[in-house]
Amino acid sequence: MKEKNTEVGVEVGPSWIDEKLGTAYKNYGALRLAERIRQTISDRARAWEMLEYLAQMDKLNNYIMNAEIGIEADLTKKKNLSLRVTLDDSYNNDPAAGRLKNDLKLITSIAYKF
C-alpha cells in the first residue's frame, strides 16, 4: 500500500534459517511474517519501523523476532548526505548456551547517497 506520505508493506511466506549456536549448527524451514511502515515527515525527513517474525515450521515455539525503528534527516539541500538514528532489536527465544535472548542496538550514522 502506498499513499502520498506513507508506505505499508506486509510479507508472508517460507524462509530458510541457518544458525550457528556456539559450536552447534542448526538449519530449518521457517514461516516468515513481516511488516514495514515508512512515513515521510517532511521534504527532508523520514521515519520507519519494521517487525519480522520467523518461526520454525515444525516447532513453532522456536522463533526469532527482529524489530527496527528509525529516523533519517537530510543534512544537505542535494539530499545526498543524511543523519540516521536506528534502534534495532533481535530476539531469539532459543539462543546458544550462555547467551542472552535479546540483542538491542542503538545505531547513529551518517549516510552518503551516490
PDB file of N, CA and C in Angstrom:
ATOM      1  N   MET A   1       0.854  -1.173   0.000  1.00  0.00           N
ATOM      2  CA  MET A   1       0.000   0.000   0.000  1.00  0.00           C
ATOM      3  C   MET A   1       0.894   1.228   0.000  1.00  0.00           C
ATOM      4  N   LYS A   2       0.605   2.152  -0.873  1.00  0.00           N
ATOM      5  CA  LYS A   2       1.426   3.345  -0.971  1.00  0.00           C
ATOM      6  C   LYS A   2       0.520   4.557  -1.111  1.00  0.00           C
ATOM      7  N   GLU A   3       0.676   5.498  -0.209  1.00  0.00           N
ATOM      8  CA  GLU A   3      -0.035   6.762  -0.291  1.00  0.00           C
ATOM      9  C   GLU A   3       0.994   7.876  -0.389  1.00  0.00           C
ATOM     10  N   LYS A   4       0.536   9.117  -0.366  1.00  0.00           N
ATOM     11  CA  LYS A   4       1.426  10.253  -0.578  1.00  0.00           C
ATOM     12  C   LYS A   4       2.619  10.247   0.376  1.00  0.00           C
ATOM     13  N   ASN A   5       2.388  10.118   1.680  1.00  0.00           N
ATOM     14  CA  ASN A   5       3.477  10.193   2.658  1.00  0.00           C
ATOM     15  C   ASN A   5       3.703   8.901   3.431  1.00  0.00           C
ATOM     16  N   THR A   6       2.965   7.841   3.083  1.00  0.00           N
ATOM     17  CA  THR A   6       3.056   6.602   3.854  1.00  0.00           C
ATOM     18  C   THR A   6       3.148   5.397   2.929  1.00  0.00           C
ATOM     19  N   GLU A   7       4.071   4.488   3.262  1.00  0.00           N
ATOM     20  CA  GLU A   7       4.178   3.212   2.566  1.00  0.00           C
ATOM     21  C   GLU A   7       4.029   2.108   3.605  1.00  0.00           C
ATOM     22  N   VAL A   8       3.199   1.113   3.312  1.00  0.00           N
ATOM     23  CA  VAL A   8       2.999  -0.025   4.205  1.00  0.00           C
ATOM     24  C   VAL A   8       3.220  -1.293   3.400  1.00  0.00           C
ATOM     25  N   GLY A   9       4.004  -2.204   3.954  1.00  0.00           N
ATOM     26  CA  GLY A   9       4.247  -3.480   3.297  1.00  0.00           C
ATOM     27  C   GLY A   9       4.058  -4.623   4.271  1.00  0.00           C
ATOM     28  N   VAL A  10       3.476  -5.707   3.774  1.00  0.00           N
ATOM     29  CA  VAL A  10       3.281  -6.913   4.570  1.00  0.00           C
ATOM     30  C   VAL A  10       3.799  -8.086   3.747  1.00  0.00           C
ATOM     31  N   GLU A  11       4.543  -8.977   4.390  1.00  0.00           N
ATOM     32  CA  GLU A  11       5.093 -10.147   3.708  1.00  0.00           C
ATOM     33  C   GLU A  11       4.795 -11.396   4.519  1.00  0.00           C
ATOM     34  N   VAL A  12       4.430 -12.470   3.836  1.00  0.00           N
ATOM     35  CA  VAL A  12       4.188 -13.769   4.460  1.00  0.00           C
ATOM     36  C   VAL A  12       4.743 -14.821   3.514  1.00  0.00           C
ATOM     37  N   GLY A  13       5.472 -15.783   4.070  1.00  0.00           N
ATOM     38  CA  GLY A  13       5.980 -16.847   3.218  1.00  0.00           C
ATOM     39  C   GLY A  13       7.007 -17.702   3.909  1.00  0.00           C
ATOM     40  N   PRO A  14       7.506 -18.696   3.187  1.00  0.00           N
ATOM     41  CA  PRO A  14       8.520 -19.579   3.751  1.00  0.00           C
ATOM     42  C   PRO A  14       9.898 -18.931   3.718  1.00  0.00           C
ATOM     43  N   SER A  15      10.764 -19.399   4.603  1.00  0.00           N
ATOM     44  CA  SER A  15      12.154 -18.939   4.620  1.00  0.00           C
ATOM     45  C   SER A  15      13.027 -20.086   5.101  1.00  0.00           C
ATOM     46  N   TRP A  16      14.327 -19.923   5.010  1.00  0.00           N
ATOM     47  CA  TRP A  16      15.283 -20.931   5.456  1.00  0.00           C
ATOM     48  C   TRP A  16      16.258 -20.264   6.411  1.00  0.00           C
ATOM     49  N   ILE A  17      16.496 -20.891   7.552  1.00  0.00           N
ATOM     50  CA  ILE A  17      17.384 -20.314   8.562  1.00  0.00           C
ATOM     51  C   ILE A  17      18.557 -21.258   8.795  1.00  0.00           C
ATOM     52  N   ASP A  18      19.767 -20.717   8.736  1.00  0.00           N
ATOM     53  CA  ASP A  18      20.999 -21.405   9.122  1.00  0.00           C
ATOM     54  C   ASP A  18      21.538 -20.675  10.326  1.00  0.00           C
ATOM     55  N   GLU A  19      21.715 -21.378  11.445  1.00  0.00           N
ATOM     56  CA  GLU A  19      22.210 -20.762  12.667  1.00  0.00           C
ATOM     57  C   GLU A  19      23.438 -21.501  13.169  1.00  0.00           C
ATOM     58  N   LYS A  20      24.361 -20.744  13.723  1.00  0.00           N
ATOM     59  CA  LYS A  20      25.474 -21.323  14.469  1.00  0.00           C
ATOM     60  C   LYS A  20      25.272 -20.867  15.904  1.00  0.00           C
ATOM     61  N   LEU A  21      24.950 -21.804  16.785  1.00  0.00           N
ATOM     62  CA  LEU A  21      24.715 -21.501  18.189  1.00  0.00           C
ATOM     63  C   LEU A  21      25.845 -22.130  18.996  1.00  0.00           C
ATOM     64  N   GLY A  22      26.840 -21.318  19.341  1.00  0.00           N
ATOM     65  CA  GLY A  22      28.031 -21.861  19.998  1.00  0.00           C
ATOM     66  C   GLY A  22      28.789 -22.704  18.991  1.00  0.00           C
ATOM     67  N   THR A  23      28.928 -23.985  19.261  1.00  0.00           N
ATOM     68  CA  THR A  23      29.609 -24.887  18.326  1.00  0.00           C
ATOM     69  C   THR A  23      28.622 -25.716  17.514  1.00  0.00           C
ATOM     70  N   ALA A  24      27.330 -25.584  17.805  1.00  0.00           N
ATOM     71  CA  ALA A  24      26.299 -26.361  17.115  1.00  0.00           C
ATOM     72  C   ALA A  24      25.724 -25.567  15.936  1.00  0.00           C
ATOM     73  N   TYR A  25      25.409 -26.290  14.878  1.00  0.00           N
ATOM     74  CA  TYR A  25      24.767 -25.695  13.718  1.00  0.00           C
ATOM     75  C   TYR A  25      23.333 -26.205  13.635  1.00  0.00           C
ATOM     76  N   LYS A  26      22.406 -25.301  13.318  1.00  0.00           N
ATOM     77  CA  LYS A  26      21.005 -25.661  13.111  1.00  0.00           C
ATOM     78  C   LYS A  26      20.543 -25.034  11.806  1.00  0.00           C
ATOM     79  N   ASN A  27      19.774 -25.760  11.037  1.00  0.00           N
ATOM     80  CA  ASN A  27      19.113 -25.168   9.878  1.00  0.00           C
ATOM     81  C   ASN A  27      17.730 -25.769   9.768  1.00  0.00           C
ATOM     82  N   TYR A  28      16.788 -24.944   9.348  1.00  0.00           N
ATOM     83  CA  TYR A  28      15.397 -25.384   9.298  1.00  0.00           C
ATOM     84  C   TYR A  28      14.567 -24.417   8.461  1.00  0.00           C
ATOM     85  N   GLY A  29      13.443 -24.928   8.001  1.00  0.00           N
ATOM     86  CA  GLY A  29      12.470 -24.095   7.309  1.00  0.00           C
ATOM     87  C   GLY A  29      11.671 -23.302   8.329  1.00  0.00           C
ATOM     88  N   ALA A  30      11.326 -22.093   7.970  1.00  0.00           N
ATOM     89  CA  ALA A  30      10.589 -21.228   8.898  1.00  0.00           C
ATOM     90  C   ALA A  30       9.476 -20.494   8.160  1.00  0.00           C
ATOM     91  N   LEU A  31       8.472 -20.154   8.920  1.00  0.00           N
ATOM     92  CA  LEU A  31       7.407 -19.291   8.426  1.00  0.00           C
ATOM     93  C   LEU A  31       7.814 -17.854   8.737  1.00  0.00           C
ATOM     94  N   ARG A  32       7.775 -16.989   7.745  1.00  0.00           N
ATOM     95  CA  ARG A  32       8.173 -15.584   7.937  1.00  0.00           C
ATOM     96  C   ARG A  32       6.963 -14.679   7.784  1.00  0.00           C
ATOM     97  N   LEU A  33       6.728 -13.873   8.814  1.00  0.00           N
ATOM     98  CA  LEU A  33       5.701 -12.834   8.786  1.00  0.00           C
ATOM     99  C   LEU A  33       6.419 -11.513   9.023  1.00  0.00           C
ATOM    100  N   ALA A  34       6.186 -10.534   8.181  1.00  0.00           N
ATOM    101  CA  ALA A  34       6.879  -9.251   8.331  1.00  0.00           C
ATOM    102  C   ALA A  34       5.982  -8.103   7.911  1.00  0.00           C
ATOM    103  N   GLU A  35       6.230  -6.955   8.522  1.00  0.00           N
ATOM    104  CA  GLU A  35       5.536  -5.722   8.119  1.00  0.00           C
ATOM    105  C   GLU A  35       6.514  -4.575   8.234  1.00  0.00           C
ATOM    106  N   ARG A  36       6.277  -3.570   7.411  1.00  0.00           N
ATOM    107  CA  ARG A  36       7.148  -2.397   7.393  1.00  0.00           C
ATOM    108  C   ARG A  36       6.304  -1.175   7.077  1.00  0.00           C
ATOM    109  N   ILE A  37       6.546  -0.097   7.804  1.00  0.00           N
ATOM    110  CA  ILE A  37       5.874   1.179   7.539  1.00  0.00           C
ATOM    111  C   ILE A  37       6.947   2.247   7.389  1.00  0.00           C
ATOM    112  N   ARG A  38       6.832   3.029   6.336  1.00  0.00           N
ATOM    113  CA  ARG A  38       7.757   4.144   6.095  1.00  0.00           C
ATOM    114  C   ARG A  38       6.908   5.401   5.972  1.00  0.00           C
ATOM    115  N   GLN A  39       7.251   6.413   6.741  1.00  0.00           N
ATOM    116  CA  GLN A  39       6.479   7.660   6.791  1.00  0.00           C
ATOM    117  C   GLN A  39       7.378   8.827   6.395  1.00  0.00           C
ATOM    118  N   THR A  40       6.936   9.623   5.445  1.00  0.00           N
ATOM    119  CA  THR A  40       7.638  10.860   5.106  1.00  0.00           C
ATOM    120  C   THR A  40       7.135  11.936   6.052  1.00  0.00           C
ATOM    121  N   ILE A  41       8.056  12.496   6.834  1.00  0.00           N
ATOM    122  CA  ILE A  41       7.697  13.522   7.810  1.00  0.00           C
ATOM    123  C   ILE A  41       7.670  14.893   7.158  1.00  0.00           C
ATOM    124  N   SER A  42       8.683  15.140   6.342  1.00  0.00           N
ATOM    125  CA  SER A  42       8.772  16.390   5.593  1.00  0.00           C
ATOM    126  C   SER A  42       9.582  16.111   4.338  1.00  0.00           C
ATOM    127  N   ASP A  43       9.871  17.152   3.574  1.00  0.00           N
ATOM    128  CA  ASP A  43      10.673  17.001   2.362  1.00  0.00           C
ATOM    129  C   ASP A  43      12.071  16.470   2.681  1.00  0.00           C
ATOM    130  N   ARG A  44      12.527  16.656   3.913  1.00  0.00           N
ATOM    131  CA  ARG A  44      13.896  16.272   4.265  1.00  0.00           C
ATOM    132  C   ARG A  44      13.997  15.256   5.404  1.00  0.00           C
ATOM    133  N   ALA A  45      12.889  14.680   5.835  1.00  0.00           N
ATOM    134  CA  ALA A  45      12.945  13.738   6.961  1.00  0.00           C
ATOM    135  C   ALA A  45      11.984  12.566   6.747  1.00  0.00           C
ATOM    136  N   ARG A  46      12.435  11.385   7.179  1.00  0.00           N
ATOM    137  CA  ARG A  46      11.656  10.165   7.059  1.00  0.00           C
ATOM    138  C   ARG A  46      11.776   9.354   8.342  1.00  0.00           C
ATOM    139  N   ALA A  47      10.766   8.540   8.609  1.00  0.00           N
ATOM    140  CA  ALA A  47      10.796   7.625   9.755  1.00  0.00           C
ATOM    141  C   ALA A  47      10.267   6.276   9.274  1.00  0.00           C
ATOM    142  N   TRP A  48      10.661   5.207   9.936  1.00  0.00           N
ATOM    143  CA  TRP A  48      10.194   3.879   9.566  1.00  0.00           C
ATOM    144  C   TRP A  48      10.214   2.952  10.768  1.00  0.00           C
ATOM    145  N   GLU A  49       9.484   1.863  10.606  1.00  0.00           N
ATOM    146  CA  GLU A  49       9.532   0.778  11.580  1.00  0.00           C
ATOM    147  C   GLU A  49       9.316  -0.524  10.822  1.00  0.00           C
ATOM    148  N   MET A  50       9.891  -1.605  11.381  1.00  0.00           N
ATOM    149  CA  MET A  50       9.809  -2.913  10.757  1.00  0.00           C
ATOM    150  C   MET A  50       9.716  -3.958  11.856  1.00  0.00           C
ATOM    151  N   LEU A  51       8.902  -4.972  11.648  1.00  0.00           N
ATOM    152  CA  LEU A  51       8.801  -6.094  12.572  1.00  0.00           C
ATOM    153  C   LEU A  51       8.777  -7.374  11.748  1.00  0.00           C
ATOM    154  N   GLU A  52       9.615  -8.335  12.152  1.00  0.00           N
ATOM    155  CA  GLU A  52       9.729  -9.601  11.434  1.00  0.00           C
ATOM    156  C   GLU A  52       9.679 -10.747  12.438  1.00  0.00           C
ATOM    157  N   TYR A  53       8.877 -11.776  12.134  1.00  0.00           N
ATOM    158  CA  TYR A  53       8.717 -12.940  12.992  1.00  0.00           C
ATOM    159  C   TYR A  53       9.035 -14.173  12.162  1.00  0.00           C
ATOM    160  N   LEU A  54       9.987 -14.966  12.641  1.00  0.00           N
ATOM    161  CA  LEU A  54      10.395 -16.187  11.940  1.00  0.00           C
ATOM    162  C   LEU A  54      10.213 -17.367  12.894  1.00  0.00           C
ATOM    163  N   ALA A  55       9.297 -18.268  12.578  1.00  0.00           N
ATOM    164  CA  ALA A  55       9.026 -19.421  13.446  1.00  0.00           C
ATOM    165  C   ALA A  55       9.369 -20.709  12.708  1.00  0.00           C
ATOM    166  N   GLN A  56      10.082 -21.596  13.399  1.00  0.00           N
ATOM    167  CA  GLN A  56      10.425 -22.896  12.825  1.00  0.00           C
ATOM    168  C   GLN A  56       9.145 -23.623  12.453  1.00  0.00           C
ATOM    169  N   MET A  57       9.057 -24.103  11.216  1.00  0.00           N
ATOM    170  CA  MET A  57       7.801 -24.672  10.720  1.00  0.00           C
ATOM    171  C   MET A  57       7.327 -25.891  11.508  1.00  0.00           C
ATOM    172  N   ASP A  58       8.230 -26.740  11.927  1.00  0.00           N
ATOM    173  CA  ASP A  58       7.807 -27.956  12.633  1.00  0.00           C
ATOM    174  C   ASP A  58       7.909 -27.828  14.153  1.00  0.00           C
ATOM    175  N   LYS A  59       8.251 -26.631  14.622  1.00  0.00           N
ATOM    176  CA  LYS A  59       8.383 -26.381  16.064  1.00  0.00           C
ATOM    177  C   LYS A  59       8.156 -24.885  16.290  1.00  0.00           C
ATOM    178  N   LEU A  60       6.891 -24.448  16.245  1.00  0.00           N
ATOM    179  CA  LEU A  60       6.552 -23.020  16.257  1.00  0.00           C
ATOM    180  C   LEU A  60       6.999 -22.285  17.516  1.00  0.00           C
ATOM    181  N   ASN A  61       7.298 -23.014  18.603  1.00  0.00           N
ATOM    182  CA  ASN A  61       7.776 -22.326  19.811  1.00  0.00           C
ATOM    183  C   ASN A  61       9.256 -21.981  19.724  1.00  0.00           C
ATOM    184  N   ASN A  62       9.920 -22.328  18.617  1.00  0.00           N
ATOM    185  CA  ASN A  62      11.288 -21.874  18.351  1.00  0.00           C
ATOM    186  C   ASN A  62      11.184 -20.744  17.326  1.00  0.00           C
ATOM    187  N   TYR A  63      11.454 -19.523  17.761  1.00  0.00           N
ATOM    188  CA  TYR A  63      11.258 -18.390  16.866  1.00  0.00           C
ATOM    189  C   TYR A  63      12.310 -17.298  17.096  1.00  0.00           C
ATOM    190  N   ILE A  64      12.406 -16.431  16.103  1.00  0.00           N
ATOM    191  CA  ILE A  64      13.274 -15.253  16.131  1.00  0.00           C
ATOM    192  C   ILE A  64      12.398 -14.064  15.764  1.00  0.00           C
ATOM    193  N   MET A  65      12.558 -12.968  16.480  1.00  0.00           N
ATOM    194  CA  MET A  65      11.856 -11.726  16.136  1.00  0.00           C
ATOM    195  C   MET A  65      12.886 -10.625  15.946  1.00  0.00           C
ATOM    196  N   ASN A  66      12.729  -9.868  14.887  1.00  0.00           N
ATOM    197  CA  ASN A  66      13.580  -8.716  14.605  1.00  0.00           C
ATOM    198  C   ASN A  66      12.698  -7.481  14.490  1.00  0.00           C
ATOM    199  N   ALA A  67      13.131  -6.404  15.108  1.00  0.00           N
ATOM    200  CA  ALA A  67      12.378  -5.148  15.048  1.00  0.00           C
ATOM    201  C   ALA A  67      13.352  -4.004  14.821  1.00  0.00           C
ATOM    202  N   GLU A  68      12.876  -2.995  14.135  1.00  0.00           N
ATOM    203  CA  GLU A  68      13.705  -1.817  13.863  1.00  0.00           C
ATOM    204  C   GLU A  68      12.806  -0.591  13.827  1.00  0.00           C
ATOM    205  N   ILE A  69      13.284   0.478  14.395  1.00  0.00           N
ATOM    206  CA  ILE A  69      12.613   1.770  14.298  1.00  0.00           C
ATOM    207  C   ILE A  69      13.695   2.799  14.032  1.00  0.00           C
ATOM    208  N   GLY A  70      13.416   3.732  13.130  1.00  0.00           N
ATOM    209  CA  GLY A  70      14.457   4.686  12.792  1.00  0.00           C
ATOM    210  C   GLY A  70      13.913   5.985  12.248  1.00  0.00           C
ATOM    211  N   ILE A  71      14.813   6.936  12.190  1.00  0.00           N
ATOM    212  CA  ILE A  71      14.503   8.258  11.639  1.00  0.00           C
ATOM    213  C   ILE A  71      15.729   8.729  10.864  1.00  0.00           C
ATOM    214  N   GLU A  72      15.478   9.445   9.777  1.00  0.00           N
ATOM    215  CA  GLU A  72      16.561   9.935   8.928  1.00  0.00           C
ATOM    216  C   GLU A  72      16.243  11.359   8.492  1.00  0.00           C
ATOM    217  N   ALA A  73      17.255  12.219   8.513  1.00  0.00           N
ATOM    218  CA  ALA A  73      17.080  13.612   8.092  1.00  0.00           C
ATOM    219  C   ALA A  73      18.224  13.998   7.157  1.00  0.00           C
ATOM    220  N   ASP A  74      17.873  14.640   6.066  1.00  0.00           N
ATOM    221  CA  ASP A  74      18.884  15.112   5.115  1.00  0.00           C
ATOM    222  C   ASP A  74      19.681  16.251   5.732  1.00  0.00           C
ATOM    223  N   LEU A  75      20.985  16.219   5.493  1.00  0.00           N
ATOM    224  CA  LEU A  75      21.864  17.268   6.016  1.00  0.00           C
ATOM    225  C   LEU A  75      22.237  18.303   4.960  1.00  0.00           C
ATOM    226  N   THR A  76      21.974  17.987   3.692  1.00  0.00           N
ATOM    227  CA  THR A  76      22.299  18.906   2.605  1.00  0.00           C
ATOM    228  C   THR A  76      21.083  19.125   1.708  1.00  0.00           C
ATOM    229  N   LYS A  77      21.089  20.208   0.980  1.00  0.00           N
ATOM    230  CA  LYS A  77      19.988  20.501   0.053  1.00  0.00           C
ATOM    231  C   LYS A  77      19.946  19.489  -1.092  1.00  0.00           C
ATOM    232  N   LYS A  78      21.088  18.934  -1.461  1.00  0.00           N
ATOM    233  CA  LYS A  78      21.154  17.933  -2.530  1.00  0.00           C
ATOM    234  C   LYS A  78      20.576  16.583  -2.093  1.00  0.00           C
ATOM    235  N   LYS A  79      20.350  16.416  -0.802  1.00  0.00           N
ATOM    236  CA  LYS A  79      19.803  15.189  -0.221  1.00  0.00           C
ATOM    237  C   LYS A  79      20.713  13.982  -0.425  1.00  0.00           C
ATOM    238  N   ASN A  80      22.014  14.209  -0.533  1.00  0.00           N
ATOM    239  CA  ASN A  80      22.936  13.091  -0.686  1.00  0.00           C
ATOM    240  C   ASN A  80      23.673  12.750   0.612  1.00  0.00           C
ATOM    241  N   LEU A  81      23.462  13.533   1.659  1.00  0.00           N
ATOM    242  CA  LEU A  81      24.079  13.285   2.955  1.00  0.00           C
ATOM    243  C   LEU A  81      22.988  13.368   4.016  1.00  0.00           C
ATOM    244  N   SER A  82      22.893  12.341   4.847  1.00  0.00           N
ATOM    245  CA  SER A  82      21.828  12.345   5.850  1.00  0.00           C
ATOM    246  C   SER A  82      22.322  11.757   7.172  1.00  0.00           C
ATOM    247  N   LEU A  83      21.600  12.088   8.215  1.00  0.00           N
ATOM    248  CA  LEU A  83      21.856  11.564   9.552  1.00  0.00           C
ATOM    249  C   LEU A  83      20.769  10.545   9.855  1.00  0.00           C
ATOM    250  N   ARG A  84      21.173   9.346  10.305  1.00  0.00           N
ATOM    251  CA  ARG A  84      20.234   8.277  10.641  1.00  0.00           C
ATOM    252  C   ARG A  84      20.417   7.852  12.092  1.00  0.00           C
ATOM    253  N   VAL A  85      19.310   7.616  12.744  1.00  0.00           N
ATOM    254  CA  VAL A  85      19.322   7.041  14.087  1.00  0.00           C
ATOM    255  C   VAL A  85      18.358   5.854  14.043  1.00  0.00           C
ATOM    256  N   THR A  86      18.867   4.683  14.413  1.00  0.00           N
ATOM    257  CA  THR A  86      18.091   3.454  14.336  1.00  0.00           C
ATOM    258  C   THR A  86      18.207   2.677  15.636  1.00  0.00           C
ATOM    259  N   LEU A  87      17.099   2.120  16.082  1.00  0.00           N
ATOM    260  CA  LEU A  87      17.085   1.228  17.229  1.00  0.00           C
ATOM    261  C   LEU A  87      16.691  -0.152  16.698  1.00  0.00           C
ATOM    262  N   ASP A  88      17.614  -1.124  16.811  1.00  0.00           N
ATOM    263  CA  ASP A  88      17.399  -2.491  16.336  1.00  0.00           C
ATOM    264  C   ASP A  88      17.287  -3.437  17.519  1.00  0.00           C
ATOM    265  N   ASP A  89      16.351  -4.357  17.438  1.00  0.00           N
ATOM    266  CA  ASP A  89      16.194  -5.369  18.480  1.00  0.00           C
ATOM    267  C   ASP A  89      16.067  -6.729  17.813  1.00  0.00           C
ATOM    268  N   SER A  90      16.890  -7.680  18.242  1.00  0.00           N
ATOM    269  CA  SER A  90      16.813  -9.059  17.766  1.00  0.00           C
ATOM    270  C   SER A  90      16.554  -9.940  18.974  1.00  0.00           C
ATOM    271  N   TYR A  91      15.546 -10.807  18.875  1.00  0.00           N
ATOM    272  CA  TYR A  91      15.183 -11.685  19.971  1.00  0.00           C
ATOM    273  C   TYR A  91      15.160 -13.121  19.452  1.00  0.00           C
ATOM    274  N   ASN A  92      15.909 -13.988  20.115  1.00  0.00           N
ATOM    275  CA  ASN A  92      15.955 -15.406  19.782  1.00  0.00           C
ATOM    276  C   ASN A  92      15.508 -16.156  21.027  1.00  0.00           C
ATOM    277  N   ASN A  93      14.367 -16.828  20.968  1.00  0.00           N
ATOM    278  CA  ASN A  93      13.864 -17.462  22.183  1.00  0.00           C
ATOM    279  C   ASN A  93      14.645 -18.720  22.569  1.00  0.00           C
ATOM    280  N   ASP A  94      15.535 -19.196  21.692  1.00  0.00           N
ATOM    281  CA  ASP A  94      16.360 -20.371  21.990  1.00  0.00           C
ATOM    282  C   ASP A  94      17.810 -20.073  21.608  1.00  0.00           C
ATOM    283  N   PRO A  95      18.478 -19.171  22.361  1.00  0.00           N
ATOM    284  CA  PRO A  95      19.840 -18.774  21.994  1.00  0.00           C
ATOM    285  C   PRO A  95      20.867 -19.845  22.365  1.00  0.00           C
ATOM    286  N   ALA A  96      22.093 -19.626  21.946  1.00  0.00           N
ATOM    287  CA  ALA A  96      23.197 -20.516  22.322  1.00  0.00           C
ATOM    288  C   ALA A  96      23.397 -20.464  23.833  1.00  0.00           C
ATOM    289  N   ALA A  97      23.950 -21.522  24.379  1.00  0.00           N
ATOM    290  CA  ALA A  97      24.200 -21.596  25.822  1.00  0.00           C
ATOM    291  C   ALA A  97      25.063 -20.410  26.260  1.00  0.00           C
ATOM    292  N   GLY A  98      24.664 -19.772  27.350  1.00  0.00           N
ATOM    293  CA  GLY A  98      25.422 -18.648  27.887  1.00  0.00           C
ATOM    294  C   GLY A  98      25.139 -17.320  27.214  1.00  0.00           C
ATOM    295  N   ARG A  99      24.254 -17.299  26.242  1.00  0.00           N
ATOM    296  CA  ARG A  99      23.909 -16.063  25.527  1.00  0.00           C
ATOM    297  C   ARG A  99      22.552 -15.553  25.968  1.00  0.00           C
ATOM    298  N   LEU A 100      22.376 -14.227  25.885  1.00  0.00           N
ATOM    299  CA  LEU A 100      21.087 -13.615  26.189  1.00  0.00           C
ATOM    300  C   LEU A 100      20.126 -13.828  25.020  1.00  0.00           C
ATOM    301  N   LYS A 101      18.850 -13.798  25.299  1.00  0.00           N
ATOM    302  CA  LYS A 101      17.833 -13.944  24.262  1.00  0.00           C
ATOM    303  C   LYS A 101      17.689 -12.680  23.425  1.00  0.00           C
ATOM    304  N   ASN A 102      18.014 -11.539  24.013  1.00  0.00           N
ATOM    305  CA  ASN A 102      17.758 -10.252  23.380  1.00  0.00           C
ATOM    306  C   ASN A 102      19.062  -9.540  23.024  1.00  0.00           C
ATOM    307  N   ASP A 103      19.080  -8.889  21.878  1.00  0.00           N
ATOM    308  CA  ASP A 103      20.226  -8.088  21.447  1.00  0.00           C
ATOM    309  C   ASP A 103      19.672  -6.752  20.959  1.00  0.00           C
ATOM    310  N   LEU A 104      19.919  -5.687  21.709  1.00  0.00           N
ATOM    311  CA  LEU A 104      19.400  -4.359  21.404  1.00  0.00           C
ATOM    312  C   LEU A 104      20.557  -3.457  20.986  1.00  0.00           C
ATOM    313  N   LYS A 105      20.396  -2.752  19.858  1.00  0.00           N
ATOM    314  CA  LYS A 105      21.445  -1.887  19.333  1.00  0.00           C
ATOM    315  C   LYS A 105      20.885  -0.514  18.997  1.00  0.00           C
ATOM    316  N   LEU A 106      21.574   0.525  19.415  1.00  0.00           N
ATOM    317  CA  LEU A 106      21.270   1.895  19.010  1.00  0.00           C
ATOM    318  C   LEU A 106      22.373   2.304  18.052  1.00  0.00           C
ATOM    319  N   ILE A 107      21.990   2.648  16.820  1.00  0.00           N
ATOM    320  CA  ILE A 107      22.960   2.954  15.771  1.00  0.00           C
ATOM    321  C   ILE A 107      22.731   4.369  15.272  1.00  0.00           C
ATOM    322  N   THR A 108      23.767   5.164  15.319  1.00  0.00           N
ATOM    323  CA  THR A 108      23.732   6.509  14.757  1.00  0.00           C
ATOM    324  C   THR A 108      24.744   6.541  13.623  1.00  0.00           C
ATOM    325  N   SER A 109      24.338   7.017  12.465  1.00  0.00           N
ATOM    326  CA  SER A 109      25.237   7.003  11.319  1.00  0.00           C
ATOM    327  C   SER A 109      24.990   8.190  10.417  1.00  0.00           C
ATOM    328  N   ILE A 110      25.985   8.458   9.601  1.00  0.00           N
ATOM    329  CA  ILE A 110      25.861   9.445   8.525  1.00  0.00           C
ATOM    330  C   ILE A 110      25.910   8.657   7.227  1.00  0.00           C
ATOM    331  N   ALA A 111      24.904   8.865   6.382  1.00  0.00           N
ATOM    332  CA  ALA A 111      24.793   8.120   5.134  1.00  0.00           C
ATOM    333  C   ALA A 111      25.058   9.045   3.957  1.00  0.00           C
ATOM    334  N   TYR A 112      25.777   8.535   2.975  1.00  0.00           N
ATOM    335  CA  TYR A 112      26.044   9.273   1.745  1.00  0.00           C
ATOM    336  C   TYR A 112      25.440   8.505   0.582  1.00  0.00           C
ATOM    337  N   LYS A 113      24.623   9.175  -0.237  1.00  0.00           N
ATOM    338  CA  LYS A 113      23.990   8.551  -1.392  1.00  0.00           C
ATOM    339  C   LYS A 113      24.772   8.939  -2.648  1.00  0.00           C
ATOM    340  N   PHE A 114      25.151   7.963  -3.432  1.00  0.00           N
ATOM    341  CA  PHE A 114      25.904   8.204  -4.667  1.00  0.00           C
ATOM    342  C   PHE A 114      24.982   8.559  -5.798  1.00  0.00           C
TER     343      PHE A 114
END
